[in-house]
Structures are given as structure tokens and as C-alpha cells.
Protein backbone atom coordinates (compact mmCIF):
# COMPACT_ATOMS: atom_id res chain seq x y z
CA UNK A 1 9.23 5.64 -27.22
CA UNK A 2 7.47 4.61 -24.35
CA UNK A 3 9.60 3.33 -22.74
CA UNK A 4 11.97 6.47 -22.17
CA UNK A 5 8.48 8.04 -21.17
CA UNK A 6 8.44 4.85 -18.28
CA UNK A 7 12.29 5.78 -17.25
CA UNK A 8 11.39 9.41 -17.51
CA UNK A 9 8.83 8.63 -14.50
CA UNK A 10 10.94 6.19 -12.47
CA UNK A 11 13.94 8.28 -12.28
CA UNK A 12 11.35 11.27 -10.99
CA UNK A 13 9.62 8.81 -7.92
CA UNK A 14 12.29 8.82 -6.14
CA UNK A 15 12.53 12.91 -5.59
CA UNK A 16 8.33 12.96 -5.98
CA UNK A 17 8.15 9.77 -2.56
CA UNK A 18 10.86 12.38 -1.19
CA UNK A 19 8.91 15.29 -1.45
CA UNK A 20 5.95 13.67 0.27
CA UNK A 21 7.73 11.55 3.34
CA UNK A 22 9.47 15.62 3.80
CA UNK A 23 7.80 16.37 7.09
CA UNK A 24 5.83 19.78 6.62
CA UNK A 25 6.97 22.40 8.45
CA UNK A 26 5.10 23.34 10.61
CA UNK A 27 5.43 27.63 10.36
CA UNK A 28 3.25 26.53 7.32
CA UNK A 29 -0.01 25.30 9.23
CA UNK A 30 0.24 28.34 11.33
CA UNK A 31 0.54 30.77 8.33
CA UNK A 32 -2.46 28.90 6.63
CA UNK A 33 -4.22 29.22 9.81
CA UNK A 34 -3.22 32.76 9.75
CA UNK A 35 -4.58 34.08 5.96
CA UNK A 36 -7.95 31.69 7.11
CA UNK A 37 -8.21 33.93 10.08
CA UNK A 38 -7.41 37.14 8.76
CA UNK A 39 -10.02 36.18 4.94
CA UNK A 40 -12.86 39.75 6.01
CA UNK A 41 -15.18 37.27 4.84
CA UNK A 42 -14.62 35.09 7.77
CA UNK A 43 -13.04 31.76 7.33
CA UNK A 44 -15.34 29.27 7.65
CA UNK A 45 -16.80 31.00 4.32
CA UNK A 46 -13.58 29.16 2.12
CA UNK A 47 -13.16 25.12 2.47
CA UNK A 48 -10.23 25.03 2.14
CA UNK A 49 -9.70 27.09 5.68
CA UNK A 50 -12.13 25.19 7.62
CA UNK A 51 -9.87 21.93 8.84
CA UNK A 52 -6.72 23.43 9.75
CA UNK A 53 -8.51 26.36 11.08
CA UNK A 54 -10.91 23.43 13.63
CA UNK A 55 -7.11 22.20 14.21
CA UNK A 56 -6.11 25.07 15.56
CA UNK A 57 -9.24 25.65 17.85
CA UNK A 58 -8.65 21.67 19.39
CA UNK A 59 -4.93 22.28 19.71
CA UNK A 60 -6.03 25.49 22.12
CA UNK A 61 -8.73 23.89 23.20
CA UNK A 62 -6.13 20.94 24.99
CA UNK A 63 -3.81 23.46 26.12
CA UNK A 64 -1.19 23.95 23.01
CA UNK A 65 -0.37 27.22 21.60
CA UNK A 66 -1.79 29.16 18.91
CA UNK A 67 -0.04 28.16 15.46
CA UNK A 68 2.57 30.69 15.02
CA UNK A 69 3.74 32.35 11.54
CA UNK A 70 6.93 33.98 11.30
CA UNK A 71 7.24 34.86 8.31
CA UNK A 72 4.61 37.51 8.69
CA UNK A 73 5.72 38.32 12.13
CA UNK A 74 3.07 37.59 13.46
CA UNK A 75 1.67 36.43 17.19
CA UNK A 76 -1.52 35.04 18.72
CA UNK A 77 -2.62 35.32 21.85
CA UNK A 78 -5.64 33.55 23.21
CA UNK A 79 -8.38 34.37 26.05
CA UNK A 80 -11.61 34.19 27.55
CA UNK A 81 -13.38 36.37 28.38
CA UNK A 82 -17.52 35.15 29.83
CA UNK A 83 -19.81 38.53 29.72
CA UNK A 84 -20.29 41.14 27.30
CA UNK A 85 -18.86 45.03 28.57
CA UNK A 86 -21.57 46.78 30.51
CA UNK A 87 -22.33 49.37 29.28
CA UNK A 88 -21.46 53.24 29.09
CA UNK A 89 -21.68 54.62 32.36
CA UNK A 90 -21.82 51.18 34.26
CA UNK A 91 -19.10 49.29 35.65
CA UNK A 92 -18.61 45.57 35.99
CA UNK A 93 -19.42 44.62 39.59
CA UNK A 94 -19.32 40.95 42.05
CA UNK A 95 -21.54 40.61 44.98
CA UNK A 96 -20.10 40.43 48.27
CA UNK A 97 -21.89 39.06 51.72
CA UNK A 98 -20.82 41.34 54.57
CA UNK A 99 -21.94 41.87 58.26
CA UNK A 100 -23.06 45.20 59.55
CA UNK A 101 -24.61 46.60 62.98
CA UNK A 102 -23.55 47.31 65.94
CA UNK A 103 -24.72 45.09 68.28
CA UNK A 104 -23.10 41.95 67.31
CA UNK A 105 -26.29 41.61 65.86
CA UNK A 106 -26.94 38.39 63.25
CA UNK A 107 -26.71 40.80 60.33
CA UNK A 108 -25.51 41.19 57.14
CA UNK A 109 -26.26 42.79 53.73
CA UNK A 110 -25.08 42.04 50.10
CA UNK A 111 -23.15 44.68 48.32
CA UNK A 112 -21.80 45.85 45.03
CA UNK A 113 -18.02 45.58 44.62
CA UNK A 114 -16.15 46.50 41.22
CA UNK A 115 -14.32 43.61 39.39
CA UNK A 116 -13.83 42.96 36.01
CA UNK A 117 -14.71 39.74 35.77
CA UNK A 118 -18.16 40.61 37.52
CA UNK A 119 -21.88 39.20 36.62
CA UNK A 120 -23.12 42.87 37.26
CA UNK A 121 -23.27 46.29 36.16
CA UNK A 122 -24.46 49.00 38.40
CA UNK A 123 -24.28 52.92 37.49
CA UNK A 124 -20.74 53.94 37.95
CA UNK A 125 -21.22 57.59 39.68
CA UNK A 126 -22.78 55.67 42.39
CA UNK A 127 -21.19 54.74 45.84
CA UNK A 128 -21.26 50.79 46.97
CA UNK A 129 -23.54 51.29 49.74
CA UNK A 130 -26.10 52.77 46.72
CA UNK A 131 -25.80 48.58 45.47
CA UNK A 132 -25.93 47.09 48.62
CA UNK A 133 -29.48 45.39 49.05
CA UNK A 134 -30.94 44.46 53.03
CA UNK A 135 -32.34 41.57 54.23
CA UNK A 136 -36.09 42.15 54.94
CA UNK A 137 -36.76 42.99 58.52
CA UNK A 138 -32.78 44.04 58.98
CA UNK A 139 -32.78 47.46 60.24
CA UNK A 140 -30.59 48.64 57.73
CA UNK A 141 -33.75 49.91 55.75
CA UNK A 142 -34.51 49.67 51.99
CA UNK A 143 -31.59 50.33 49.60
CA UNK A 144 -32.66 50.29 45.47
CA UNK A 145 -30.47 47.52 43.80
CA UNK A 146 -32.86 47.57 40.91
CA UNK A 147 -29.72 50.02 39.56
CA UNK A 148 -28.29 47.04 39.37
CA UNK A 149 -28.35 44.40 35.89
CA UNK A 150 -27.32 41.63 35.25
CA UNK A 151 -24.44 41.65 32.73
CA UNK A 152 -25.13 39.92 29.43
CA UNK A 153 -22.53 36.47 28.52
CA UNK A 154 -20.91 35.84 25.14
CA UNK A 155 -22.14 33.95 22.89
CA UNK A 156 -18.25 33.45 21.73
CA UNK A 157 -16.12 33.99 25.17
CA UNK A 158 -12.85 33.32 23.74
CA UNK A 159 -10.79 35.37 21.67
CA UNK A 160 -7.19 35.58 19.57
CA UNK A 161 -5.02 38.09 19.62
CA UNK A 162 -4.25 38.03 16.85
CA UNK A 163 -0.61 41.08 16.46
CA UNK A 164 0.87 41.22 12.38
CA UNK A 165 2.84 44.08 11.10
CA UNK A 166 -0.35 46.04 9.94
CA UNK A 167 -1.07 46.02 13.96
CA UNK A 168 -3.79 44.71 16.73
CA UNK A 169 -6.68 42.31 15.71
CA UNK A 170 -9.25 40.69 17.88
CA UNK A 171 -11.26 36.87 16.39
CA UNK A 172 -13.91 35.79 18.70
CA UNK A 173 -14.70 32.43 19.13
CA UNK A 174 -16.43 29.63 21.17
CA UNK A 175 -13.93 26.57 22.00
CA UNK A 176 -16.37 24.62 23.55
CA UNK A 177 -17.37 22.51 21.03
CA UNK A 178 -14.11 21.77 20.33
CA UNK A 179 -13.25 20.52 24.04
């Protein structure tokens, strides 16, 4: 009786070793990451999710694409936004130095131009000139700049736009610790 058990285990070993040596499908990894990312409590709340999601972040941080899960009809697009949106009624702007004066003097002024990636916010209804500042003693006069405020930086500036059959979701994260 004992010998028959040993023989059945020995007969099963080649099958078991073939399964363990067979390469895993790339889709399996992408689908595991997808399930973890979609967890409503967050991917880090499930211990089994931490290694694959962190592996995906490391891959992306080193220039590889986000892992896909074709079986779920999903795709992912990675992006980066350094700043949070400007408050309602304001737009993102960037400073530019412009020369001024008709007498060929070296007068210059800083004006703020609309720029979706700009580091400042300014009132939407103001003109570009009203956001400008002039150096003291330039003869241009003072312009109000108190309405121009710095934009708040994101603590998690990287995002994943995940598209599934249920729609599109955006997940924010910080890749800097995976580089």
C-alpha cells in the first residue's frame, strides 16, 4: 500500500514541475494589478496587492508601460501633473518678462500669461496686463499682483487613467520613491 502512494506521487511530480516551470502569462500580472488598483479600500490595504502594484510602479518609473489586462477590456495611461487645479474663477498662468517703453530704455515688466502648466493662479476675468508687475522706479506705475497666487503642488503628481468597460477612473500616486 505504501509503495502505491509513492508511485502516485512520483507519477504526479512531472506534471507539477511542468506547471511550476511554465512561464506565467504577462496578462496574469496586469490583471492582478488591475484588481488591486480597483480595490475601493486602496491597493495597499491588501497585503497580497502590495508586491505586484509596487512592481508595476517600479516598471513605469523605469520607462516601461503600465501592465495591461486585455481580458478585462482595460487599458492604462500614465501621466504627470505637478500642480493641483486653480480655484474656481482663476486660471493657471506663468510669468514672462516683457520689454517696455518706446524710448529704447531697458524697462521690463513681468506679465502672467495663461498656461495650463503654470505655477500660479490668476483671476479668470482679469486682463494679462493687470497681472503684471513693474520694477520700482520704472515709470510704469504699480499694477496689482496680489490676485496672482502660487498653485498648490500635488503630493502625488503621477496618475493612471484606467479605462475599463465601466468607464474611466484616475488614480494618483508618487513615482519618485520607485525610481
